[in-house]
């Protein structure tokens, strides 16, 4: 039990330590939070099966976009 608590504590400290670094990187890049909600532009993608899916059809659902770029 002590070992589990120690692991949880170390993980929490590590995660909280990273937060200032991430916010510093965003501020250096000039990235700010949106003050007003912004809707994503509608776009349509081809499915592997040949059909099409638009963002508008998926409104209200959780969407994960993975932009993969092999360099």
PDB file of N, CA and C in Angstrom:
ATOM      1  N   UNK A   1       0.820  -1.191   0.000  1.00  0.00           N
ATOM      2  CA  UNK A   1       0.000   0.000   0.000  1.00  0.00           C
ATOM      3  C   UNK A   1       0.865   1.257   0.000  1.00  0.00           C
ATOM      4  N   UNK A   2       1.940   1.224   0.772  1.00  0.00           N
ATOM      5  CA  UNK A   2       2.840   2.379   0.817  1.00  0.00           C
ATOM      6  C   UNK A   2       3.501   2.606  -0.539  1.00  0.00           C
ATOM      7  N   UNK A   3       3.844   1.522  -1.208  1.00  0.00           N
ATOM      8  CA  UNK A   3       4.484   1.633  -2.508  1.00  0.00           C
ATOM      9  C   UNK A   3       3.521   2.274  -3.518  1.00  0.00           C
ATOM     10  N   UNK A   4       2.264   1.875  -3.474  1.00  0.00           N
ATOM     11  CA  UNK A   4       1.256   2.450  -4.364  1.00  0.00           C
ATOM     12  C   UNK A   4       1.076   3.938  -4.094  1.00  0.00           C
ATOM     13  N   UNK A   5       1.014   4.303  -2.829  1.00  0.00           N
ATOM     14  CA  UNK A   5       0.872   5.720  -2.472  1.00  0.00           C
ATOM     15  C   UNK A   5       2.095   6.517  -2.922  1.00  0.00           C
ATOM     16  N   UNK A   6       3.280   5.939  -2.812  1.00  0.00           N
ATOM     17  CA  UNK A   6       4.497   6.617  -3.243  1.00  0.00           C
ATOM     18  C   UNK A   6       4.496   6.828  -4.759  1.00  0.00           C
ATOM     19  N   UNK A   7       4.051   5.811  -5.500  1.00  0.00           N
ATOM     20  CA  UNK A   7       3.989   5.931  -6.958  1.00  0.00           C
ATOM     21  C   UNK A   7       2.979   7.003  -7.353  1.00  0.00           C
ATOM     22  N   UNK A   8       1.826   7.031  -6.721  1.00  0.00           N
ATOM     23  CA  UNK A   8       0.804   8.036  -7.006  1.00  0.00           C
ATOM     24  C   UNK A   8       1.332   9.434  -6.680  1.00  0.00           C
ATOM     25  N   UNK A   9       2.022   9.579  -5.572  1.00  0.00           N
ATOM     26  CA  UNK A   9       2.582  10.870  -5.175  1.00  0.00           C
ATOM     27  C   UNK A   9       3.620  11.348  -6.196  1.00  0.00           C
ATOM     28  N   UNK A  10       4.520  10.460  -6.592  1.00  0.00           N
ATOM     29  CA  UNK A  10       5.555  10.823  -7.559  1.00  0.00           C
ATOM     30  C   UNK A  10       4.924  11.189  -8.901  1.00  0.00           C
ATOM     31  N   UNK A  11       3.927  10.446  -9.313  1.00  0.00           N
ATOM     32  CA  UNK A  11       3.236  10.742 -10.568  1.00  0.00           C
ATOM     33  C   UNK A  11       2.542  12.102 -10.504  1.00  0.00           C
ATOM     34  N   UNK A  12       1.896  12.403  -9.380  1.00  0.00           N
ATOM     35  CA  UNK A  12       1.220  13.691  -9.219  1.00  0.00           C
ATOM     36  C   UNK A  12       2.228  14.839  -9.245  1.00  0.00           C
ATOM     37  N   UNK A  13       3.347  14.678  -8.578  1.00  0.00           N
ATOM     38  CA  UNK A  13       4.382  15.721  -8.574  1.00  0.00           C
ATOM     39  C   UNK A  13       4.926  15.919  -9.981  1.00  0.00           C
ATOM     40  N   UNK A  14       5.161  14.839 -10.696  1.00  0.00           N
ATOM     41  CA  UNK A  14       5.677  14.932 -12.059  1.00  0.00           C
ATOM     42  C   UNK A  14       4.686  15.657 -12.967  1.00  0.00           C
ATOM     43  N   UNK A  15       3.410  15.316 -12.869  1.00  0.00           N
ATOM     44  CA  UNK A  15       2.402  15.959 -13.719  1.00  0.00           C
ATOM     45  C   UNK A  15       2.240  17.433 -13.379  1.00  0.00           C
ATOM     46  N   UNK A  16       2.260  17.769 -12.100  1.00  0.00           N
ATOM     47  CA  UNK A  16       2.125  19.168 -11.706  1.00  0.00           C
ATOM     48  C   UNK A  16       3.372  19.973 -12.059  1.00  0.00           C
ATOM     49  N   UNK A  17       4.527  19.318 -12.100  1.00  0.00           N
ATOM     50  CA  UNK A  17       5.768  19.994 -12.460  1.00  0.00           C
ATOM     51  C   UNK A  17       5.769  20.372 -13.937  1.00  0.00           C
ATOM     52  N   UNK A  18       5.102  19.555 -14.783  1.00  0.00           N
ATOM     53  CA  UNK A  18       5.085  19.800 -16.226  1.00  0.00           C
ATOM     54  C   UNK A  18       4.155  20.950 -16.611  1.00  0.00           C
ATOM     55  N   UNK A  19       3.152  21.263 -15.818  1.00  0.00           N
ATOM     56  CA  UNK A  19       2.162  22.278 -16.179  1.00  0.00           C
ATOM     57  C   UNK A  19       2.799  23.637 -16.454  1.00  0.00           C
ATOM     58  N   UNK A  20       3.671  24.157 -15.597  1.00  0.00           N
ATOM     59  CA  UNK A  20       4.289  25.456 -15.910  1.00  0.00           C
ATOM     60  C   UNK A  20       5.123  25.426 -17.193  1.00  0.00           C
ATOM     61  N   UNK A  21       5.773  24.308 -17.490  1.00  0.00           N
ATOM     62  CA  UNK A  21       6.580  24.204 -18.700  1.00  0.00           C
ATOM     63  C   UNK A  21       5.697  24.303 -19.939  1.00  0.00           C
ATOM     64  N   UNK A  22       4.567  23.633 -19.916  1.00  0.00           N
ATOM     65  CA  UNK A  22       3.665  23.641 -21.061  1.00  0.00           C
ATOM     66  C   UNK A  22       3.085  25.033 -21.264  1.00  0.00           C
ATOM     67  N   UNK A  23       2.651  25.676 -20.187  1.00  0.00           N
ATOM     68  CA  UNK A  23       2.086  27.017 -20.335  1.00  0.00           C
ATOM     69  C   UNK A  23       3.152  28.012 -20.799  1.00  0.00           C
ATOM     70  N   UNK A  24       4.391  27.816 -20.402  1.00  0.00           N
ATOM     71  CA  UNK A  24       5.467  28.691 -20.868  1.00  0.00           C
ATOM     72  C   UNK A  24       5.705  28.511 -22.361  1.00  0.00           C
ATOM     73  N   UNK A  25       5.624  27.275 -22.836  1.00  0.00           N
ATOM     74  CA  UNK A  25       5.810  27.018 -24.257  1.00  0.00           C
ATOM     75  C   UNK A  25       4.704  27.670 -25.073  1.00  0.00           C
ATOM     76  N   UNK A  26       3.469  27.605 -24.589  1.00  0.00           N
ATOM     77  CA  UNK A  26       2.360  28.245 -25.297  1.00  0.00           C
ATOM     78  C   UNK A  26       2.533  29.754 -25.324  1.00  0.00           C
ATOM     79  N   UNK A  27       2.954  30.349 -24.219  1.00  0.00           N
ATOM     80  CA  UNK A  27       3.101  31.799 -24.198  1.00  0.00           C
ATOM     81  C   UNK A  27       4.269  32.245 -25.082  1.00  0.00           C
ATOM     82  N   UNK A  28       5.344  31.470 -25.147  1.00  0.00           N
ATOM     83  CA  UNK A  28       6.464  31.800 -26.028  1.00  0.00           C
ATOM     84  C   UNK A  28       6.047  31.772 -27.490  1.00  0.00           C
ATOM     85  N   UNK A  29       5.150  30.833 -27.830  1.00  0.00           N
ATOM     86  CA  UNK A  29       4.702  30.698 -29.217  1.00  0.00           C
ATOM     87  C   UNK A  29       3.615  31.703 -29.561  1.00  0.00           C
ATOM     88  N   UNK A  30       3.128  32.444 -28.571  1.00  0.00           N
ATOM     89  CA  UNK A  30       2.080  33.425 -28.822  1.00  0.00           C
ATOM     90  C   UNK A  30       0.700  32.809 -28.917  1.00  0.00           C
ATOM     91  N   UNK A  31       0.526  31.599 -28.377  1.00  0.00           N
ATOM     92  CA  UNK A  31      -0.770  30.924 -28.409  1.00  0.00           C
ATOM     93  C   UNK A  31      -1.582  31.338 -27.191  1.00  0.00           C
ATOM     94  N   UNK A  32      -2.787  31.781 -27.419  1.00  0.00           N
ATOM     95  CA  UNK A  32      -3.670  32.179 -26.321  1.00  0.00           C
ATOM     96  C   UNK A  32      -4.965  31.384 -26.387  1.00  0.00           C
ATOM     97  N   UNK A  33      -5.658  31.310 -25.268  1.00  0.00           N
ATOM     98  CA  UNK A  33      -6.956  30.662 -25.248  1.00  0.00           C
ATOM     99  C   UNK A  33      -7.954  31.527 -25.996  1.00  0.00           C
ATOM    100  N   UNK A  34      -8.929  30.870 -26.613  1.00  0.00           N
ATOM    101  CA  UNK A  34      -9.993  31.617 -27.269  1.00  0.00           C
ATOM    102  C   UNK A  34     -10.869  32.266 -26.212  1.00  0.00           C
ATOM    103  N   UNK A  35     -11.184  33.521 -26.402  1.00  0.00           N
ATOM    104  CA  UNK A  35     -12.068  34.210 -25.457  1.00  0.00           C
ATOM    105  C   UNK A  35     -13.518  33.924 -25.781  1.00  0.00           C
ATOM    106  N   UNK A  36     -13.790  33.648 -27.034  1.00  0.00           N
ATOM    107  CA  UNK A  36     -15.139  33.336 -27.497  1.00  0.00           C
ATOM    108  C   UNK A  36     -15.077  31.972 -28.168  1.00  0.00           C
ATOM    109  N   UNK A  37     -16.101  31.161 -27.960  1.00  0.00           N
ATOM    110  CA  UNK A  37     -16.114  29.843 -28.580  1.00  0.00           C
ATOM    111  C   UNK A  37     -16.082  29.976 -30.096  1.00  0.00           C
ATOM    112  N   UNK A  38     -15.261  29.147 -30.729  1.00  0.00           N
ATOM    113  CA  UNK A  38     -15.109  29.189 -32.176  1.00  0.00           C
ATOM    114  C   UNK A  38     -15.488  27.825 -32.744  1.00  0.00           C
ATOM    115  N   UNK A  39     -16.363  27.819 -33.740  1.00  0.00           N
ATOM    116  CA  UNK A  39     -16.746  26.557 -34.363  1.00  0.00           C
ATOM    117  C   UNK A  39     -15.710  26.168 -35.408  1.00  0.00           C
ATOM    118  N   UNK A  40     -15.466  24.878 -35.504  1.00  0.00           N
ATOM    119  CA  UNK A  40     -14.534  24.375 -36.506  1.00  0.00           C
ATOM    120  C   UNK A  40     -15.184  24.476 -37.882  1.00  0.00           C
ATOM    121  N   UNK A  41     -14.403  24.761 -38.890  1.00  0.00           N
ATOM    122  CA  UNK A  41     -14.972  24.827 -40.241  1.00  0.00           C
ATOM    123  C   UNK A  41     -15.411  23.433 -40.697  1.00  0.00           C
ATOM    124  N   UNK A  42     -16.486  23.393 -41.468  1.00  0.00           N
ATOM    125  CA  UNK A  42     -16.987  22.117 -41.961  1.00  0.00           C
ATOM    126  C   UNK A  42     -16.072  21.601 -43.069  1.00  0.00           C
ATOM    127  N   UNK A  43     -15.773  20.294 -43.042  1.00  0.00           N
ATOM    128  CA  UNK A  43     -15.004  19.674 -44.111  1.00  0.00           C
ATOM    129  C   UNK A  43     -15.495  18.251 -44.298  1.00  0.00           C
ATOM    130  N   UNK A  44     -15.195  17.681 -45.437  1.00  0.00           N
ATOM    131  CA  UNK A  44     -15.631  16.332 -45.784  1.00  0.00           C
ATOM    132  C   UNK A  44     -14.407  15.490 -46.099  1.00  0.00           C
ATOM    133  N   UNK A  45     -14.406  14.257 -45.582  1.00  0.00           N
ATOM    134  CA  UNK A  45     -13.307  13.325 -45.820  1.00  0.00           C
ATOM    135  C   UNK A  45     -13.836  12.051 -46.460  1.00  0.00           C
ATOM    136  N   UNK A  46     -13.010  11.405 -47.250  1.00  0.00           N
ATOM    137  CA  UNK A  46     -13.378  10.127 -47.852  1.00  0.00           C
ATOM    138  C   UNK A  46     -13.088   9.013 -46.853  1.00  0.00           C
ATOM    139  N   UNK A  47     -14.017   8.054 -46.770  1.00  0.00           N
ATOM    140  CA  UNK A  47     -13.794   6.867 -45.944  1.00  0.00           C
ATOM    141  C   UNK A  47     -13.011   5.847 -46.754  1.00  0.00           C
ATOM    142  N   UNK A  48     -12.415   4.889 -46.068  1.00  0.00           N
ATOM    143  CA  UNK A  48     -11.706   3.825 -46.763  1.00  0.00           C
ATOM    144  C   UNK A  48     -12.649   2.977 -47.601  1.00  0.00           C
ATOM    145  N   UNK A  49     -13.917   2.900 -47.180  1.00  0.00           N
ATOM    146  CA  UNK A  49     -14.906   2.106 -47.913  1.00  0.00           C
ATOM    147  C   UNK A  49     -15.463   2.847 -49.122  1.00  0.00           C
ATOM    148  N   UNK A  50     -15.068   4.105 -49.316  1.00  0.00           N
ATOM    149  CA  UNK A  50     -15.510   4.857 -50.477  1.00  0.00           C
ATOM    150  C   UNK A  50     -16.556   5.916 -50.177  1.00  0.00           C
ATOM    151  N   UNK A  51     -17.169   5.869 -49.016  1.00  0.00           N
ATOM    152  CA  UNK A  51     -18.173   6.867 -48.641  1.00  0.00           C
ATOM    153  C   UNK A  51     -17.522   8.172 -48.209  1.00  0.00           C
ATOM    154  N   UNK A  52     -18.358   9.115 -47.812  1.00  0.00           N
ATOM    155  CA  UNK A  52     -17.857  10.403 -47.341  1.00  0.00           C
ATOM    156  C   UNK A  52     -18.450  10.718 -45.976  1.00  0.00           C
ATOM    157  N   UNK A  53     -17.676  11.402 -45.145  1.00  0.00           N
ATOM    158  CA  UNK A  53     -18.107  11.823 -43.822  1.00  0.00           C
ATOM    159  C   UNK A  53     -17.796  13.299 -43.684  1.00  0.00           C
ATOM    160  N   UNK A  54     -18.777  14.080 -43.240  1.00  0.00           N
ATOM    161  CA  UNK A  54     -18.522  15.506 -43.016  1.00  0.00           C
ATOM    162  C   UNK A  54     -18.547  15.789 -41.525  1.00  0.00           C
ATOM    163  N   UNK A  55     -17.885  16.833 -41.149  1.00  0.00           N
ATOM    164  CA  UNK A  55     -17.815  17.212 -39.744  1.00  0.00           C
ATOM    165  C   UNK A  55     -19.193  17.603 -39.224  1.00  0.00           C
ATOM    166  N   UNK A  56     -20.001  18.199 -40.082  1.00  0.00           N
ATOM    167  CA  UNK A  56     -21.338  18.626 -39.696  1.00  0.00           C
ATOM    168  C   UNK A  56     -22.209  17.436 -39.268  1.00  0.00           C
ATOM    169  N   UNK A  57     -22.011  16.266 -39.907  1.00  0.00           N
ATOM    170  CA  UNK A  57     -22.770  15.054 -39.565  1.00  0.00           C
ATOM    171  C   UNK A  57     -22.429  14.551 -38.163  1.00  0.00           C
ATOM    172  N   UNK A  58     -21.244  14.873 -37.696  1.00  0.00           N
ATOM    173  CA  UNK A  58     -20.762  14.357 -36.411  1.00  0.00           C
ATOM    174  C   UNK A  58     -20.933  15.357 -35.269  1.00  0.00           C
ATOM    175  N   UNK A  59     -21.695  16.411 -35.491  1.00  0.00           N
ATOM    176  CA  UNK A  59     -21.867  17.441 -34.473  1.00  0.00           C
ATOM    177  C   UNK A  59     -22.423  16.839 -33.181  1.00  0.00           C
ATOM    178  N   UNK A  60     -21.831  17.195 -32.058  1.00  0.00           N
ATOM    179  CA  UNK A  60     -22.262  16.697 -30.756  1.00  0.00           C
ATOM    180  C   UNK A  60     -21.546  15.435 -30.327  1.00  0.00           C
ATOM    181  N   UNK A  61     -20.707  14.868 -31.186  1.00  0.00           N
ATOM    182  CA  UNK A  61     -19.968  13.653 -30.851  1.00  0.00           C
ATOM    183  C   UNK A  61     -18.498  14.005 -30.620  1.00  0.00           C
ATOM    184  N   UNK A  62     -17.816  13.157 -29.884  1.00  0.00           N
ATOM    185  CA  UNK A  62     -16.391  13.356 -29.637  1.00  0.00           C
ATOM    186  C   UNK A  62     -15.637  12.906 -30.879  1.00  0.00           C
ATOM    187  N   UNK A  63     -14.735  13.758 -31.363  1.00  0.00           N
ATOM    188  CA  UNK A  63     -13.986  13.476 -32.586  1.00  0.00           C
ATOM    189  C   UNK A  63     -12.503  13.600 -32.275  1.00  0.00           C
ATOM    190  N   UNK A  64     -11.738  12.618 -32.688  1.00  0.00           N
ATOM    191  CA  UNK A  64     -10.287  12.646 -32.526  1.00  0.00           C
ATOM    192  C   UNK A  64      -9.668  12.729 -33.910  1.00  0.00           C
ATOM    193  N   UNK A  65      -8.986  13.821 -34.189  1.00  0.00           N
ATOM    194  CA  UNK A  65      -8.290  13.988 -35.459  1.00  0.00           C
ATOM    195  C   UNK A  65      -6.817  13.692 -35.229  1.00  0.00           C
ATOM    196  N   UNK A  66      -6.293  12.773 -35.990  1.00  0.00           N
ATOM    197  CA  UNK A  66      -4.882  12.405 -35.875  1.00  0.00           C
ATOM    198  C   UNK A  66      -4.173  12.849 -37.144  1.00  0.00           C
ATOM    199  N   UNK A  67      -3.392  13.904 -37.045  1.00  0.00           N
ATOM    200  CA  UNK A  67      -2.621  14.389 -38.183  1.00  0.00           C
ATOM    201  C   UNK A  67      -1.247  13.747 -38.122  1.00  0.00           C
ATOM    202  N   UNK A  68      -1.051  12.732 -38.955  1.00  0.00           N
ATOM    203  CA  UNK A  68       0.192  11.982 -38.949  1.00  0.00           C
ATOM    204  C   UNK A  68       1.051  12.447 -40.106  1.00  0.00           C
ATOM    205  N   UNK A  69       2.266  12.823 -39.839  1.00  0.00           N
ATOM    206  CA  UNK A  69       3.169  13.285 -40.885  1.00  0.00           C
ATOM    207  C   UNK A  69       4.509  12.569 -40.728  1.00  0.00           C
ATOM    208  N   UNK A  70       4.765  11.586 -41.543  1.00  0.00           N
ATOM    209  CA  UNK A  70       6.079  10.913 -41.474  1.00  0.00           C
ATOM    210  C   UNK A  70       7.155  11.801 -42.087  1.00  0.00           C
ATOM    211  N   UNK A  71       8.129  12.140 -41.320  1.00  0.00           N
ATOM    212  CA  UNK A  71       9.198  13.017 -41.803  1.00  0.00           C
ATOM    213  C   UNK A  71      10.380  12.199 -42.239  1.00  0.00           C
TER     214      UNK A  71
END
